[in-house]
Protein backbone atom coordinates (compact mmCIF):
# COMPACT_ATOMS: atom_id res chain seq x y z
CA MET A 1 -21.57 -4.82 -3.46
CA PRO A 2 -19.03 -2.26 -4.53
CA ALA A 3 -18.88 -0.26 -1.32
CA ILE A 4 -20.46 3.07 -0.46
CA ILE A 5 -17.82 5.43 -1.88
CA SER A 6 -17.67 3.70 -5.27
CA HIS A 7 -21.46 3.88 -5.56
CA TYR A 8 -21.37 7.53 -4.49
CA PHE A 9 -18.96 8.56 -7.24
CA PHE A 10 -20.81 6.45 -9.79
CA GLY A 11 -23.94 8.36 -8.85
CA GLN A 12 -22.12 11.68 -9.14
CA ASP A 13 -20.95 10.79 -12.64
CA ALA A 14 -24.38 9.57 -13.72
CA TYR A 15 -26.02 12.70 -12.31
CA GLN A 16 -23.83 14.93 -14.46
CA HIS A 17 -24.98 13.07 -17.59
CA GLU A 18 -28.63 12.56 -16.66
CA ARG A 19 -29.54 15.63 -14.62
CA ASP A 20 -32.40 16.63 -16.92
CA LEU A 21 -33.97 13.19 -16.51
CA ILE A 22 -33.37 13.01 -12.75
CA GLY A 23 -34.52 16.50 -11.86
CA PRO A 24 -32.76 19.72 -10.84
CA SER A 25 -33.92 20.17 -7.24
CA ILE A 26 -31.72 19.47 -4.24
CA GLU A 27 -34.12 16.83 -2.92
CA GLU A 28 -34.20 15.08 -6.29
CA ARG A 29 -30.41 15.07 -6.39
CA ASP A 30 -30.17 13.76 -2.83
CA ALA A 31 -32.79 11.10 -3.57
CA PHE A 32 -30.87 10.00 -6.65
CA LEU A 33 -27.56 9.76 -4.80
CA LEU A 34 -29.23 7.86 -1.96
CA GLY A 35 -30.78 5.55 -4.54
CA ASN A 36 -27.29 4.76 -5.77
CA GLN A 37 -26.76 2.88 -2.51
CA GLY A 38 -29.62 0.56 -3.50
CA PRO A 39 -30.84 -1.84 -0.81
CA ASP A 40 -27.45 -1.83 0.98
CA PRO A 41 -28.70 0.20 3.99
CA ILE A 42 -31.05 -2.66 4.87
CA TYR A 43 -28.06 -4.91 5.61
CA PHE A 44 -27.34 -2.63 8.56
CA THR A 45 -30.65 -3.31 10.27
CA VAL A 46 -28.68 -6.05 12.05
CA LEU A 47 -27.55 -3.22 14.33
CA ALA A 48 -31.10 -2.73 15.64
CA PRO A 49 -32.43 -5.78 17.53
CA SER A 50 -36.04 -5.00 16.64
CA LEU A 51 -35.20 -4.80 12.93
CA ALA A 52 -32.44 -7.38 12.58
CA LYS A 53 -34.65 -10.03 11.01
CA TYR A 54 -35.33 -7.75 8.05
CA HIS A 55 -31.69 -7.65 6.90
CA THR A 56 -32.44 -10.70 4.76
CA LEU A 57 -34.59 -8.48 2.55
CA ALA A 58 -31.37 -6.92 1.27
CA VAL A 59 -30.07 -10.43 0.56
CA ASP A 60 -33.24 -11.29 -1.35
CA MET A 61 -33.08 -8.09 -3.37
CA HIS A 62 -29.49 -8.69 -4.39
CA HIS A 63 -30.02 -12.33 -5.33
CA GLU A 64 -33.57 -13.05 -6.43
CA LYS A 65 -36.27 -11.84 -8.84
CA THR A 66 -34.19 -8.93 -10.12
CA SER A 67 -36.33 -8.09 -13.14
CA GLU A 68 -39.48 -8.35 -11.05
CA LEU A 69 -37.91 -6.08 -8.43
CA LEU A 70 -37.08 -3.36 -10.96
CA ALA A 71 -40.59 -3.60 -12.41
CA SER A 72 -42.12 -3.22 -8.94
CA LEU A 73 -39.77 -0.29 -8.32
CA LYS A 74 -41.42 1.42 -11.28
CA GLN A 75 -44.90 0.42 -10.12
CA SER A 76 -44.22 1.78 -6.63
CA LEU A 77 -44.20 5.30 -8.06
CA GLU A 78 -47.91 4.97 -8.80
CA THR A 79 -48.60 4.47 -5.09
CA LEU A 80 -47.13 7.87 -4.23
CA PRO A 81 -49.07 11.14 -4.12
CA GLU A 82 -48.48 13.23 -7.24
CA GLU A 83 -46.38 15.76 -5.32
CA ASP A 84 -43.94 13.03 -4.22
CA ARG A 85 -43.46 11.24 -7.52
CA ALA A 86 -40.59 13.37 -8.84
CA ILE A 87 -38.52 12.59 -5.75
CA GLY A 88 -39.57 8.95 -5.86
CA ASN A 89 -38.58 8.75 -9.51
CA ALA A 90 -35.17 10.28 -8.75
CA TYR A 91 -34.63 7.67 -6.05
CA ALA A 92 -35.69 4.90 -8.43
CA LEU A 93 -33.26 6.07 -11.11
CA GLY A 94 -30.48 5.98 -8.51
CA PHE A 95 -31.54 2.47 -7.52
CA MET A 96 -31.21 1.47 -11.17
CA CYS A 97 -27.66 2.85 -11.16
CA HIS A 98 -26.88 0.74 -8.10
CA TYR A 99 -27.90 -2.32 -10.05
CA MET A 100 -25.83 -1.28 -13.08
CA LEU A 101 -22.63 -0.92 -11.06
CA ASP A 102 -23.19 -3.94 -8.82
CA SER A 103 -23.92 -6.36 -11.64
CA SER A 104 -20.95 -5.09 -13.66
CA VAL A 105 -18.26 -5.06 -10.96
CA HIS A 106 -19.28 -7.97 -8.73
CA PRO A 107 -17.89 -10.70 -11.01
CA LEU A 108 -14.39 -9.20 -10.70
CA VAL A 109 -14.69 -8.84 -6.92
CA TYR A 110 -15.94 -12.39 -6.48
CA ALA A 111 -13.32 -13.77 -8.86
CA GLN A 112 -10.57 -12.27 -6.71
CA GLN A 113 -12.28 -13.32 -3.49
CA TYR A 114 -12.50 -16.94 -4.64
CA ALA A 115 -8.95 -16.89 -5.99
CA TYR A 116 -7.47 -15.63 -2.72
CA CYS A 117 -9.48 -18.03 -0.57
CA SER A 118 -8.49 -21.04 -2.66
CA ALA A 119 -4.84 -20.14 -3.21
CA GLY A 120 -3.61 -22.29 -0.34
CA GLU A 121 -2.41 -19.34 1.73
CA PRO A 122 -1.85 -20.24 5.39
CA ASN A 123 -4.84 -19.39 7.61
CA LEU A 124 -6.93 -18.22 4.64
CA GLU A 125 -9.94 -20.38 3.86
CA ALA A 126 -13.40 -20.21 2.32
CA LYS A 127 -14.85 -19.28 5.72
CA ASP A 128 -12.89 -16.03 5.52
CA SER A 129 -14.60 -14.99 2.28
CA HIS A 130 -16.66 -12.19 3.85
CA GLU A 131 -13.55 -10.50 5.21
CA VAL A 132 -11.73 -10.88 1.88
CA HIS A 133 -14.72 -9.49 -0.02
CA ALA A 134 -14.98 -6.47 2.28
CA THR A 135 -11.22 -5.85 2.10
CA ILE A 136 -11.32 -5.75 -1.70
CA GLU A 137 -14.23 -3.35 -1.83
CA SER A 138 -12.89 -1.09 0.91
CA GLU A 139 -9.56 -0.76 -0.88
CA LEU A 140 -11.27 0.06 -4.18
CA ASP A 141 -13.16 2.77 -2.28
CA GLU A 142 -9.91 4.15 -0.86
CA VAL A 143 -8.33 4.35 -4.31
CA MET A 144 -11.36 6.00 -5.87
CA LEU A 145 -11.68 8.56 -3.08
CA TYR A 146 -8.04 9.63 -3.28
CA ARG A 147 -7.96 9.77 -7.08
CA ARG A 148 -11.16 11.74 -7.36
CA THR A 149 -10.64 14.21 -4.53
CA GLY A 150 -7.08 13.98 -3.25
CA LYS A 151 -8.67 13.19 0.12
CA THR A 152 -8.64 10.20 2.42
CA ILE A 153 -11.30 9.06 4.85
CA HIS A 154 -9.72 11.50 7.33
CA ASP A 155 -11.37 14.36 5.42
CA PHE A 156 -14.41 12.59 3.96
CA SER A 157 -17.45 11.27 5.79
CA PRO A 158 -19.39 8.75 3.66
CA GLU A 159 -22.45 8.90 5.90
CA LYS A 160 -22.70 12.67 5.42
CA GLU A 161 -21.99 12.73 1.68
CA ALA A 162 -23.58 9.54 0.33
CA LEU A 163 -26.48 9.17 2.76
CA HIS A 164 -27.58 12.80 2.95
CA ALA A 165 -31.35 12.96 2.59
CA SER A 166 -34.24 14.85 4.14
CA GLY A 167 -36.97 13.22 6.16
CA ARG A 168 -39.27 13.66 3.19
CA VAL A 169 -36.93 11.78 0.86
CA LEU A 170 -36.58 8.94 3.37
CA SER A 171 -40.34 8.76 3.89
CA ILE A 172 -40.98 8.50 0.16
CA ALA A 173 -38.32 5.82 -0.32
CA SER A 174 -39.72 3.90 2.65
CA ARG A 175 -43.14 3.74 1.02
CA MET A 176 -41.53 2.42 -2.15
CA TYR A 177 -39.76 -0.35 -0.22
CA LEU A 178 -43.00 -1.28 1.48
CA PHE A 179 -44.54 -1.87 -1.95
CA MET A 180 -41.50 -3.65 -3.44
CA ALA A 181 -41.08 -6.02 -0.51
CA LEU A 182 -44.72 -7.06 -0.59
CA THR A 183 -45.23 -7.38 -4.34
CA THR A 184 -41.88 -8.95 -5.24
CA TYR A 185 -41.01 -11.07 -2.21
CA GLN A 186 -44.37 -11.33 -0.40
CA ARG A 187 -42.75 -9.84 2.69
CA VAL A 188 -44.50 -7.48 5.07
CA ILE A 189 -42.09 -4.94 6.52
CA PRO A 190 -42.48 -2.00 8.93
CA PRO A 191 -43.64 1.18 7.13
CA ARG A 192 -40.48 3.09 8.10
CA LEU A 193 -38.02 0.24 7.64
CA PHE A 194 -35.91 1.97 5.01
CA SER A 195 -35.70 5.24 6.96
CA ARG A 196 -34.56 3.34 10.03
CA ALA A 197 -32.16 1.26 7.94
CA VAL A 198 -30.47 4.44 6.70
CA ALA A 199 -30.15 5.59 10.32
CA CYS A 200 -28.53 2.24 11.14
CA TYR A 201 -26.19 2.58 8.16
CA ARG A 202 -25.14 6.08 9.24
CA PHE A 203 -24.50 4.80 12.75
CA GLY A 204 -22.54 1.84 11.41
CA LEU A 205 -20.35 4.04 9.23
CA ARG A 206 -19.60 6.34 12.17
CA ALA A 207 -18.67 3.28 14.22
CA LEU A 208 -16.41 2.03 11.42
CA ARG A 209 -14.77 5.42 11.00
CA SER A 210 -11.21 5.40 12.33
CA PRO A 211 -9.19 8.15 10.60
CA ARG A 212 -6.11 7.61 12.79
CA GLY A 213 -6.52 3.84 12.83
CA ILE A 214 -6.48 3.54 16.62
CA LYS A 215 -10.07 2.34 16.99
CA ARG A 216 -9.66 -0.01 14.02
CA THR A 217 -6.55 -1.58 15.52
CA VAL A 218 -8.01 -2.03 19.00
CA LEU A 219 -11.37 -3.41 17.90
CA SER A 220 -9.81 -5.63 15.24
CA ARG A 221 -7.53 -7.21 17.83
CA VAL A 222 -10.48 -7.85 20.12
CA GLU A 223 -12.42 -9.46 17.28
CA GLN A 224 -9.42 -11.58 16.29
CA ARG A 225 -9.49 -13.23 19.69
CA PHE A 226 -12.57 -15.05 18.44
CA ARG A 227 -11.95 -15.37 14.70
CA THR A 228 -8.97 -15.44 12.34
CA TYR A 229 -9.64 -12.13 10.63
CA SER A 230 -11.53 -9.02 11.69
CA PHE A 231 -14.66 -8.17 9.72
CA TYR A 232 -14.64 -4.76 11.40
CA GLY A 233 -11.09 -4.17 10.18
CA SER A 234 -11.95 -5.22 6.64
CA MET A 235 -14.98 -2.90 6.51
CA SER A 236 -13.27 0.16 7.99
CA HIS A 237 -11.73 2.53 5.42
CA ARG A 238 -8.11 3.46 6.02
CA ALA A 239 -6.87 7.05 5.84
CA ILE A 240 -4.17 6.33 3.28
CA GLU A 241 -3.22 8.12 0.06
CA LEU A 242 -3.74 5.14 -2.19
CA GLU A 243 -3.29 5.73 -5.91
CA ASN A 244 -3.34 2.13 -7.11
CA SER A 245 -4.49 -1.28 -5.96
CA ALA A 246 -3.81 -4.78 -7.19
CA PHE A 247 -7.55 -5.37 -6.85
CA GLU A 248 -8.17 -2.98 -9.76
CA ASN A 249 -6.49 -5.35 -12.23
CA GLN A 250 -4.99 -2.42 -14.12
CA SER A 251 -2.59 -4.81 -15.86
CA HIS A 252 -5.60 -6.64 -17.33
CA LYS A 253 -4.63 -10.06 -16.11
CA THR A 254 -7.03 -12.84 -17.01
CA TRP A 255 -9.57 -13.73 -14.35
CA GLU A 256 -12.32 -16.33 -14.24
CA ASP A 257 -15.88 -15.05 -14.07
CA PRO A 258 -17.32 -17.25 -11.31
CA PHE A 259 -20.85 -16.81 -12.64
CA GLY A 260 -20.36 -16.90 -16.40
CA GLU A 261 -17.51 -19.42 -16.19
CA THR A 262 -15.60 -17.47 -18.82
CA ALA A 263 -12.12 -15.98 -18.91
CA ARG A 264 -12.12 -12.18 -18.76
CA ASN A 265 -9.50 -9.47 -18.35
CA GLU A 266 -11.33 -6.20 -17.60
CA SER A 267 -10.10 -3.87 -14.90
CA PHE A 268 -12.26 -2.24 -12.24
CA GLU A 269 -12.11 1.01 -14.22
CA ASP A 270 -13.21 -0.79 -17.40
CA LEU A 271 -16.22 -2.27 -15.63
CA PHE A 272 -17.07 1.03 -13.91
CA GLU A 273 -17.01 2.93 -17.21
CA CYS A 274 -18.93 0.20 -19.02
CA ALA A 275 -21.67 0.34 -16.39
CA LEU A 276 -21.76 4.14 -16.63
CA ALA A 277 -22.09 3.95 -20.42
CA LYS A 278 -25.15 1.71 -20.03
CA THR A 279 -27.00 4.05 -17.70
CA HIS A 280 -28.31 6.41 -20.37
CA LEU A 281 -30.35 3.80 -22.22
CA SER A 282 -31.33 1.98 -19.03
CA LEU A 283 -32.61 5.10 -17.27
CA ALA A 284 -34.39 6.22 -20.43
CA ALA A 285 -36.10 2.82 -20.66
CA PHE A 286 -37.11 2.96 -16.99
CA SER A 287 -38.61 6.40 -17.55
CA GLN A 288 -41.07 5.08 -20.14
CA ALA A 289 -44.63 4.67 -18.88
CA SER A 290 -44.71 1.19 -20.42
CA PHE A 291 -41.73 -0.10 -18.39
CA ASP A 292 -42.59 -3.54 -17.02
CA VAL A 293 -40.94 -6.84 -16.13
CA ASP A 294 -40.17 -7.61 -19.78
CA SER A 295 -38.58 -4.19 -20.18
CA ALA A 296 -36.55 -4.82 -17.02
CA ARG A 297 -35.41 -8.16 -18.38
CA GLN A 298 -34.04 -6.39 -21.46
CA ILE A 299 -31.76 -4.49 -19.07
CA THR A 300 -30.85 -7.25 -16.63
CA LYS A 301 -30.48 -10.09 -19.13
CA ASP A 302 -31.63 -12.19 -16.16
CA LEU A 303 -28.54 -11.28 -14.13
CA ASN A 304 -28.95 -10.40 -10.47
CA PHE A 305 -26.99 -7.74 -8.57
CA LEU A 306 -24.06 -10.15 -8.32
CA GLY A 307 -23.89 -10.50 -12.10
CA GLU A 308 -25.11 -14.07 -11.66
CA SER A 309 -27.75 -15.63 -13.90
CA THR A 310 -31.11 -16.18 -12.26
CA VAL A 311 -32.29 -18.54 -14.99
CA PRO A 312 -32.60 -22.04 -13.50
CA THR A 313 -30.10 -24.51 -14.90
CA LEU A 314 -31.71 -27.60 -16.37
CA LEU A 315 -29.81 -30.71 -15.42
CA VAL A 316 -30.35 -33.52 -17.88
CA VAL A 317 -29.74 -37.02 -16.55
CA GLU A 318 -29.50 -39.78 -19.10
CA ASN A 319 -30.84 -43.19 -18.23
CA GLU A 320 -28.31 -45.95 -18.57
């Protein structure tokens, strides 16, 4: 996933273009911006022992049955009372934006992750891929935050800005997840799972927050007593005025799409803007009453949130 700040600013940009479609109220705006975080909050249920087993739902949503998921997202609106549907629709449109950015940017992130882990650097191996992935996305967040606002994480709280939502918004979104999990993945989840997942995410972000870097340094050193690199350190945003990053690929160097197995040269900004340009038609299509799995497939082209094809590969074996 591009990390929370990148999704937040993507949502801000999309909202400016699509406000009439999303809705003008504060709760609709908050629901849309929360939707831009997609299923990511569910990853953080690992922080709650009673909910930890449900974190795999976020994995499923990112990897499997993407078109079916988006179709069930649309269908979930029909399960809501009439007075809640506008907010539910705003959340759903934000969720669509999460998919648009994820599927566009992930190939670049994974290409760099795989390249670094296979470059033969001392003490850097495939087992360190999660830390490398998080480091890339955190640094892209840091660049975007400073460029957009002139601020660093010292003056910006992601959990307050990107995860701001009323109890009503969270309740509506939770009911939508209940429907999506059951109809798409045949999984029964607690009725308030998403609300509690957002609470876990907020808690996790506060725990990761280290504006002066002291907590990050101490906890990273403790973690590195048991593993080569600190996942905490890679997830925690740094309070640095970062204007550029090698991870952006601003020089348009060629990189190998690990999913399409093609040579590409787009930068992070190129992919961000390309995803943003696609939102108008995608959100308009989602807003049609006839939107179904075939309509969703026209948007996804059978690519999941990673930008990876979900069409099974047919292996032909010739008899000798």
